[in-house]
Protein backbone atom coordinates (compact mmCIF):
# COMPACT_ATOMS: atom_id res chain seq x y z
CA MET A 1 -0.10 -0.01 -0.02
CA SER A 2 1.43 3.29 -0.93
CA HIS A 3 1.57 6.19 1.85
CA SER A 4 1.00 8.74 -1.22
CA ALA A 5 -2.31 7.32 -2.13
CA LEU A 6 -3.96 9.35 0.98
CA PRO A 7 -4.87 13.03 0.05
CA ALA A 8 -2.17 15.62 0.60
CA PRO A 9 -4.09 17.12 3.54
CA VAL A 10 -4.09 13.78 5.39
CA ARG A 11 -0.25 13.26 4.77
CA LEU A 12 0.42 16.74 5.95
CA LEU A 13 -2.12 17.23 8.62
CA GLY A 14 -2.00 13.61 10.32
CA PRO A 15 1.89 13.94 11.41
CA ALA A 16 1.36 17.54 12.29
CA GLY A 17 -1.01 16.20 15.07
CA ILE A 18 2.15 14.95 16.75
CA LEU A 19 3.57 18.49 17.22
CA PRO A 20 1.52 19.52 20.23
CA GLN A 21 2.66 16.55 22.32
CA ALA A 22 6.28 17.28 21.11
CA ILE A 23 5.87 20.68 22.43
CA CYS A 24 4.71 19.67 25.62
CA VAL A 25 7.57 17.23 25.90
CA ALA A 26 10.16 19.97 24.97
CA PHE A 27 8.49 22.48 27.44
CA ALA A 28 8.77 19.94 30.33
CA LEU A 29 12.43 19.13 29.60
CA LEU A 30 13.51 22.99 28.89
CA TRP A 31 11.53 24.40 31.95
CA PRO A 32 11.59 21.49 34.57
CA GLU A 33 9.71 23.83 37.01
CA GLN A 34 6.70 23.72 34.62
CA ARG A 35 6.55 20.18 33.89
CA ILE A 36 3.06 19.95 35.75
CA LEU A 37 1.85 22.62 33.23
CA ALA A 38 3.30 20.69 30.37
CA GLY A 39 1.75 17.49 31.67
CA ILE A 40 -1.65 18.73 32.09
CA ALA A 41 -1.61 20.42 28.38
CA GLY A 42 -0.29 17.06 27.14
CA GLY A 43 -2.94 15.02 28.97
CA LEU A 44 -5.57 17.40 27.61
CA TYR A 45 -4.51 16.95 24.04
CA ALA A 46 -3.97 13.18 24.42
CA ALA A 47 -7.58 12.86 25.79
CA SER A 48 -8.59 14.95 22.94
CA ILE A 49 -7.20 12.55 20.34
CA LEU A 50 -8.28 9.53 22.15
CA SER A 51 -11.85 10.89 22.13
CA PHE A 52 -11.55 11.75 18.35
CA LEU A 53 -10.51 8.27 17.56
CA GLY A 54 -13.73 7.00 19.30
CA GLY A 55 -15.67 9.07 17.10
CA LEU A 56 -14.00 7.63 14.12
CA TRP A 57 -14.98 4.10 15.22
CA TRP A 58 -18.33 5.21 15.86
CA ILE A 59 -18.89 6.74 12.28
CA GLU A 60 -17.25 3.51 10.86
CA ALA A 61 -19.89 1.34 12.60
CA LEU A 62 -22.68 3.67 11.38
CA MET A 63 -21.42 3.80 7.83
CA ARG A 64 -21.35 0.07 7.58
CA GLY A 65 -24.65 -0.22 9.07
CA ASP A 66 -23.40 -2.39 11.86
CA GLN A 67 -26.42 -3.49 14.12
CA ARG A 68 -23.98 -5.33 16.71
CA ALA A 69 -23.49 -3.45 20.12
CA VAL A 70 -19.90 -4.31 20.40
CA PRO A 71 -18.47 -1.78 17.79
CA TYR A 72 -20.40 1.25 19.63
CA VAL A 73 -19.45 0.00 23.10
CA ILE A 74 -15.62 -0.05 21.79
CA ALA A 75 -16.36 3.29 20.29
CA VAL A 76 -17.29 4.98 23.52
CA LEU A 77 -14.63 3.70 25.59
CA PRO A 78 -11.73 6.11 24.36
CA SER A 79 -13.90 8.92 25.70
CA LEU A 80 -14.69 7.31 28.92
CA ILE A 81 -11.00 6.32 29.19
CA ALA A 82 -9.87 9.77 28.53
CA TRP A 83 -12.42 11.43 30.94
CA ALA A 84 -11.26 9.02 33.72
CA ALA A 85 -7.69 9.56 33.11
CA LEU A 86 -8.02 13.35 33.50
CA LEU A 87 -10.50 13.15 36.40
CA ALA A 88 -8.22 10.91 38.61
CA PRO A 89 -5.67 13.85 39.11
CA LEU A 90 -8.41 16.29 39.63
CA THR A 91 -9.97 14.07 42.41
CA GLY A 92 -6.43 13.07 43.99
CA LEU A 93 -6.96 9.45 42.96
CA SER A 94 -3.39 9.60 41.07
CA GLY A 95 -0.95 11.88 39.76
CA MET A 96 -0.97 13.42 36.44
CA ALA A 97 2.15 11.03 35.49
CA GLY A 98 -0.16 7.96 35.62
CA SER A 99 -2.72 9.55 33.66
CA LEU A 100 -0.36 10.15 30.98
CA LEU A 101 1.02 6.89 31.20
CA LEU A 102 -2.61 5.33 30.82
CA LEU A 103 -3.38 7.69 27.96
CA GLY A 104 -0.05 6.85 26.24
CA ILE A 105 -0.80 3.11 26.42
CA VAL A 106 -4.17 3.31 25.31
CA ILE A 107 -3.13 5.54 22.30
CA LEU A 108 -0.54 2.88 21.35
CA MET A 109 -2.99 0.30 21.49
CA SER A 110 -5.73 1.96 19.62
CA PRO A 111 -4.98 0.62 16.18
CA ILE A 112 -6.05 -2.82 17.28
CA ALA A 113 -9.60 -1.50 17.91
CA ASP A 114 -9.59 -0.42 14.29
CA LYS A 115 -9.58 -4.03 13.16
CA SER A 116 -12.35 -4.89 15.53
CA ILE A 117 -14.57 -2.11 14.31
CA GLY A 118 -14.44 -2.52 10.64
CA ARG A 119 -12.29 -2.13 7.53
CA LEU A 120 -13.57 0.93 5.83
CA ALA A 121 -10.73 3.33 6.88
CA SER A 122 -8.01 0.56 7.15
CA ASP A 123 -8.63 -0.64 3.59
CA MET A 124 -7.67 2.69 2.16
CA PRO A 125 -4.22 2.52 0.62
CA GLY A 126 -1.58 4.13 3.10
CA TRP A 127 -3.87 4.31 5.96
CA TRP A 128 -2.15 1.52 8.34
CA ARG A 129 1.32 3.17 7.81
CA LEU A 130 -0.01 6.54 8.73
CA ARG A 131 -2.23 5.19 11.47
CA TRP A 132 0.70 3.05 13.08
CA GLY A 133 3.03 6.10 12.72
CA LEU A 134 0.59 8.52 14.44
CA SER A 135 -0.13 6.21 17.24
CA ILE A 136 3.50 5.43 18.10
CA GLY A 137 4.53 8.97 17.90
CA LEU A 138 1.56 10.27 19.94
CA GLY A 139 1.45 7.28 22.40
CA GLY A 140 5.27 7.46 22.84
CA LEU A 141 5.41 11.16 23.32
CA THR A 142 2.60 10.83 25.95
CA LEU A 143 4.59 8.10 27.82
CA LEU A 144 7.65 10.06 27.68
CA LEU A 145 5.86 13.01 29.08
CA GLY A 146 4.43 10.64 31.92
CA ALA A 147 7.91 9.58 32.53
CA ILE A 148 9.18 13.13 32.87
CA LEU A 149 6.48 13.72 35.46
CA ALA A 150 7.05 10.63 37.43
């Protein structure tokens, strides 16, 4: 499958989506006294992207006319996980580092859910290369940010 088969905006904007997390990591490393702020910003970004992925899975199931409950349940899990991950430090149940680590792991594993939801997106030429690259990039940077805060 050719990466260039994807539309140019997808090839450009997809990888650009990793930049906010890279900026948060750089900020935490350059200004360690502000690492909590960087962690919060990175956690908010990771949670937003995770929720976005759930929306993609939901529309995939709808477009295929899937009548099973499983794809829709899987599609709402990212938003619930993101919400719980951000709620935990706010309520004192965990620190921001733990939330970032959870978000990073879930983002890294998210392409596995693509397969269980359907094949509309995954059958597009170039999709898997982009999808795995973005998941590894964002998930890895989120884990790194969590490690910096730990």
